[in-house]
Amino acid sequence: MAINSASVTIVTSRFKEVCEFYKNFFLARASFDCGWYVVLRLSDRIGGPEICLMEPRDKMAEFSGGATLNLCVEDADMFYNQLTRNGLSPVIPLEDHPWGDRGFGIIDPCGLVVYCYHPIEPATEYKVYHLNP
């Protein structure tokens, strides 16, 4: 079995606000939009990372937190500077992590943590945990 792509769907009554958040801050572009469900592509690459947003339908439970969207970016420092200049406040500070990334986190309007990072050399004690280098 081969998995060709992956995405997550977030159900939220703040649908329009969350769509605008990703369009404005992450330059996301809709690849599908029927008004109550949208697929937002987070890169120019077809098959690249996407996030799907959906207005609640038929008494669906809304997203209530407890998840993190991890975005590997080219340069976390540059992205951090861009997002904070545009008014976002991190909930996870920009810093190096011994497990092998430099990153920071923000929260989108529906409460999803968005963790933006780039890989760095892991500390010696974490190298054994990297199973498929």
C-alpha atoms as a PDB file:
ATOM      1  CA  MET A   1       0.000   0.000   0.000  1.00  0.00           C
ATOM      2  CA  ALA A   2       1.313   3.451  -0.899  1.00  0.00           C
ATOM      3  CA  ILE A   3       0.016   6.634   0.731  1.00  0.00           C
ATOM      4  CA  ASN A   4       0.269   9.502  -1.726  1.00  0.00           C
ATOM      5  CA  SER A   5      -0.749  12.389   0.515  1.00  0.00           C
ATOM      6  CA  ALA A   6      -2.271  13.164   3.888  1.00  0.00           C
ATOM      7  CA  SER A   7      -4.432  15.904   5.336  1.00  0.00           C
ATOM      8  CA  VAL A   8      -6.595  16.575   8.343  1.00  0.00           C
ATOM      9  CA  THR A   9     -10.127  18.007   8.409  1.00  0.00           C
ATOM     10  CA  ILE A  10     -10.976  20.454  11.177  1.00  0.00           C
ATOM     11  CA  VAL A  11     -14.690  20.973  11.857  1.00  0.00           C
ATOM     12  CA  THR A  12     -15.298  24.508  13.139  1.00  0.00           C
ATOM     13  CA  SER A  13     -18.071  27.085  13.341  1.00  0.00           C
ATOM     14  CA  ARG A  14     -15.287  29.675  12.865  1.00  0.00           C
ATOM     15  CA  PHE A  15     -14.894  28.323   9.323  1.00  0.00           C
ATOM     16  CA  LYS A  16     -14.536  31.653   7.476  1.00  0.00           C
ATOM     17  CA  GLU A  17     -12.171  33.124  10.074  1.00  0.00           C
ATOM     18  CA  VAL A  18      -9.942  30.031  10.046  1.00  0.00           C
ATOM     19  CA  CYS A  19      -9.888  29.984   6.215  1.00  0.00           C
ATOM     20  CA  GLU A  20      -8.771  33.605   6.162  1.00  0.00           C
ATOM     21  CA  PHE A  21      -6.111  32.907   8.793  1.00  0.00           C
ATOM     22  CA  TYR A  22      -4.432  30.252   6.624  1.00  0.00           C
ATOM     23  CA  LYS A  23      -4.851  32.290   3.448  1.00  0.00           C
ATOM     24  CA  ASN A  24      -3.392  35.436   5.022  1.00  0.00           C
ATOM     25  CA  PHE A  25      -0.579  34.045   7.165  1.00  0.00           C
ATOM     26  CA  PHE A  26       0.371  30.846   5.310  1.00  0.00           C
ATOM     27  CA  LEU A  27      -0.515  31.894   1.750  1.00  0.00           C
ATOM     28  CA  ALA A  28      -2.807  28.870   1.509  1.00  0.00           C
ATOM     29  CA  ARG A  29      -4.848  28.515  -1.663  1.00  0.00           C
ATOM     30  CA  ALA A  30      -8.116  26.638  -2.018  1.00  0.00           C
ATOM     31  CA  SER A  31      -7.923  23.603  -4.273  1.00  0.00           C
ATOM     32  CA  PHE A  32     -11.567  22.733  -3.484  1.00  0.00           C
ATOM     33  CA  ASP A  33     -14.263  24.989  -2.041  1.00  0.00           C
ATOM     34  CA  CYS A  34     -17.975  24.182  -1.929  1.00  0.00           C
ATOM     35  CA  GLY A  35     -18.825  26.885   0.599  1.00  0.00           C
ATOM     36  CA  TRP A  36     -18.955  24.698   3.723  1.00  0.00           C
ATOM     37  CA  TYR A  37     -15.891  22.520   3.051  1.00  0.00           C
ATOM     38  CA  VAL A  38     -12.561  23.765   1.757  1.00  0.00           C
ATOM     39  CA  VAL A  39      -9.231  22.118   1.009  1.00  0.00           C
ATOM     40  CA  LEU A  40      -6.412  24.597   1.512  1.00  0.00           C
ATOM     41  CA  ARG A  41      -3.095  23.783  -0.122  1.00  0.00           C
ATOM     42  CA  LEU A  42      -0.187  25.026   2.005  1.00  0.00           C
ATOM     43  CA  SER A  43       2.376  24.930  -0.814  1.00  0.00           C
ATOM     44  CA  ASP A  44       2.510  25.329  -4.569  1.00  0.00           C
ATOM     45  CA  ARG A  45       3.176  21.609  -4.961  1.00  0.00           C
ATOM     46  CA  ILE A  46       0.298  19.381  -6.076  1.00  0.00           C
ATOM     47  CA  GLY A  47       0.120  16.604  -3.505  1.00  0.00           C
ATOM     48  CA  GLY A  48       1.836  18.879  -0.981  1.00  0.00           C
ATOM     49  CA  PRO A  49       0.590  19.615   2.530  1.00  0.00           C
ATOM     50  CA  GLU A  50      -3.067  20.537   2.935  1.00  0.00           C
ATOM     51  CA  ILE A  51      -5.487  21.364   5.697  1.00  0.00           C
ATOM     52  CA  CYS A  52      -9.215  20.839   5.229  1.00  0.00           C
ATOM     53  CA  LEU A  53     -11.805  22.932   7.024  1.00  0.00           C
ATOM     54  CA  MET A  54     -15.486  22.161   7.414  1.00  0.00           C
ATOM     55  CA  GLU A  55     -18.480  23.925   8.899  1.00  0.00           C
ATOM     56  CA  PRO A  56     -20.361  21.655  11.313  1.00  0.00           C
ATOM     57  CA  ARG A  57     -23.067  19.629   9.558  1.00  0.00           C
ATOM     58  CA  ASP A  58     -25.750  17.339  10.937  1.00  0.00           C
ATOM     59  CA  LYS A  59     -24.809  17.913  14.600  1.00  0.00           C
ATOM     60  CA  MET A  60     -21.134  17.060  14.047  1.00  0.00           C
ATOM     61  CA  ALA A  61     -18.827  17.670  16.973  1.00  0.00           C
ATOM     62  CA  GLU A  62     -16.538  20.659  16.499  1.00  0.00           C
ATOM     63  CA  PHE A  63     -12.796  20.577  16.959  1.00  0.00           C
ATOM     64  CA  SER A  64     -12.081  21.369  20.606  1.00  0.00           C
ATOM     65  CA  GLY A  65      -8.288  21.310  20.790  1.00  0.00           C
ATOM     66  CA  GLY A  66      -5.707  18.773  21.723  1.00  0.00           C
ATOM     67  CA  ALA A  67      -3.989  18.543  18.317  1.00  0.00           C
ATOM     68  CA  THR A  68      -0.967  20.076  16.642  1.00  0.00           C
ATOM     69  CA  LEU A  69      -0.410  20.673  12.938  1.00  0.00           C
ATOM     70  CA  ASN A  70       3.333  20.303  12.316  1.00  0.00           C
ATOM     71  CA  LEU A  71       4.714  22.257   9.366  1.00  0.00           C
ATOM     72  CA  CYS A  72       8.304  21.680   8.305  1.00  0.00           C
ATOM     73  CA  VAL A  73       9.475  24.974   6.779  1.00  0.00           C
ATOM     74  CA  GLU A  74      12.716  26.016   5.109  1.00  0.00           C
ATOM     75  CA  ASP A  75      13.701  28.513   7.807  1.00  0.00           C
ATOM     76  CA  ALA A  76      11.787  28.675  11.095  1.00  0.00           C
ATOM     77  CA  ASP A  77      13.529  31.915  12.110  1.00  0.00           C
ATOM     78  CA  MET A  78      12.475  33.699   8.940  1.00  0.00           C
ATOM     79  CA  PHE A  79       8.923  32.365   9.219  1.00  0.00           C
ATOM     80  CA  TYR A  80       8.759  33.354  12.899  1.00  0.00           C
ATOM     81  CA  ASN A  81       9.857  36.908  12.064  1.00  0.00           C
ATOM     82  CA  GLN A  82       7.307  37.150   9.258  1.00  0.00           C
ATOM     83  CA  LEU A  83       4.391  35.890  11.359  1.00  0.00           C
ATOM     84  CA  THR A  84       5.213  37.999  14.433  1.00  0.00           C
ATOM     85  CA  ARG A  85       5.679  41.105  12.248  1.00  0.00           C
ATOM     86  CA  ASN A  86       2.169  40.416  10.945  1.00  0.00           C
ATOM     87  CA  GLY A  87       0.707  40.356  14.451  1.00  0.00           C
ATOM     88  CA  LEU A  88       0.753  36.717  15.563  1.00  0.00           C
ATOM     89  CA  SER A  89       1.972  35.858  19.053  1.00  0.00           C
ATOM     90  CA  PRO A  90       3.672  32.510  19.590  1.00  0.00           C
ATOM     91  CA  VAL A  91       2.446  30.168  22.312  1.00  0.00           C
ATOM     92  CA  ILE A  92       5.598  28.063  21.955  1.00  0.00           C
ATOM     93  CA  PRO A  93       8.774  30.184  21.772  1.00  0.00           C
ATOM     94  CA  LEU A  94      11.254  29.902  18.908  1.00  0.00           C
ATOM     95  CA  GLU A  95      14.046  27.669  20.155  1.00  0.00           C
ATOM     96  CA  ASP A  96      16.278  24.709  19.399  1.00  0.00           C
ATOM     97  CA  HIS A  97      15.024  21.337  20.639  1.00  0.00           C
ATOM     98  CA  PRO A  98      17.393  18.502  21.496  1.00  0.00           C
ATOM     99  CA  TRP A  99      15.334  15.958  19.533  1.00  0.00           C
ATOM    100  CA  GLY A 100      16.383  17.703  16.313  1.00  0.00           C
ATOM    101  CA  ASP A 101      14.330  20.714  15.367  1.00  0.00           C
ATOM    102  CA  ARG A 102      14.237  24.476  15.739  1.00  0.00           C
ATOM    103  CA  GLY A 103      10.695  25.705  15.920  1.00  0.00           C
ATOM    104  CA  PHE A 104       7.847  27.671  17.438  1.00  0.00           C
ATOM    105  CA  GLY A 105       4.086  27.360  17.777  1.00  0.00           C
ATOM    106  CA  ILE A 106       1.059  29.567  17.267  1.00  0.00           C
ATOM    107  CA  ILE A 107      -2.660  28.893  17.656  1.00  0.00           C
ATOM    108  CA  ASP A 108      -5.150  29.327  14.825  1.00  0.00           C
ATOM    109  CA  PRO A 109      -8.617  30.849  15.431  1.00  0.00           C
ATOM    110  CA  CYS A 110     -10.251  27.483  16.196  1.00  0.00           C
ATOM    111  CA  GLY A 111      -7.597  26.454  18.731  1.00  0.00           C
ATOM    112  CA  LEU A 112      -5.348  24.241  16.597  1.00  0.00           C
ATOM    113  CA  VAL A 113      -1.668  24.584  17.519  1.00  0.00           C
ATOM    114  CA  VAL A 114       0.445  25.161  14.398  1.00  0.00           C
ATOM    115  CA  TYR A 115       4.050  24.157  15.051  1.00  0.00           C
ATOM    116  CA  CYS A 116       6.511  25.498  12.458  1.00  0.00           C
ATOM    117  CA  TYR A 117      10.023  24.036  12.466  1.00  0.00           C
ATOM    118  CA  HIS A 118      13.087  23.110  10.481  1.00  0.00           C
ATOM    119  CA  PRO A 119      15.374  20.158  11.209  1.00  0.00           C
ATOM    120  CA  ILE A 120      18.653  20.636  13.064  1.00  0.00           C
ATOM    121  CA  GLU A 121      21.234  18.145  14.308  1.00  0.00           C
ATOM    122  CA  PRO A 122      19.763  16.256  17.271  1.00  0.00           C
ATOM    123  CA  ALA A 123      21.612  16.060  20.563  1.00  0.00           C
ATOM    124  CA  THR A 124      23.619  12.883  21.019  1.00  0.00           C
ATOM    125  CA  GLU A 125      21.082  11.356  23.409  1.00  0.00           C
ATOM    126  CA  TYR A 126      18.298  11.752  20.806  1.00  0.00           C
ATOM    127  CA  LYS A 127      20.175  10.363  17.786  1.00  0.00           C
ATOM    128  CA  VAL A 128      19.247   6.785  18.753  1.00  0.00           C
ATOM    129  CA  TYR A 129      15.563   7.665  18.409  1.00  0.00           C
ATOM    130  CA  HIS A 130      15.853   8.706  14.755  1.00  0.00           C
ATOM    131  CA  LEU A 131      14.941   5.381  13.182  1.00  0.00           C
ATOM    132  CA  ASN A 132      14.911   6.220   9.462  1.00  0.00           C
ATOM    133  CA  PRO A 133      17.471   8.923   8.823  1.00  0.00           C
END
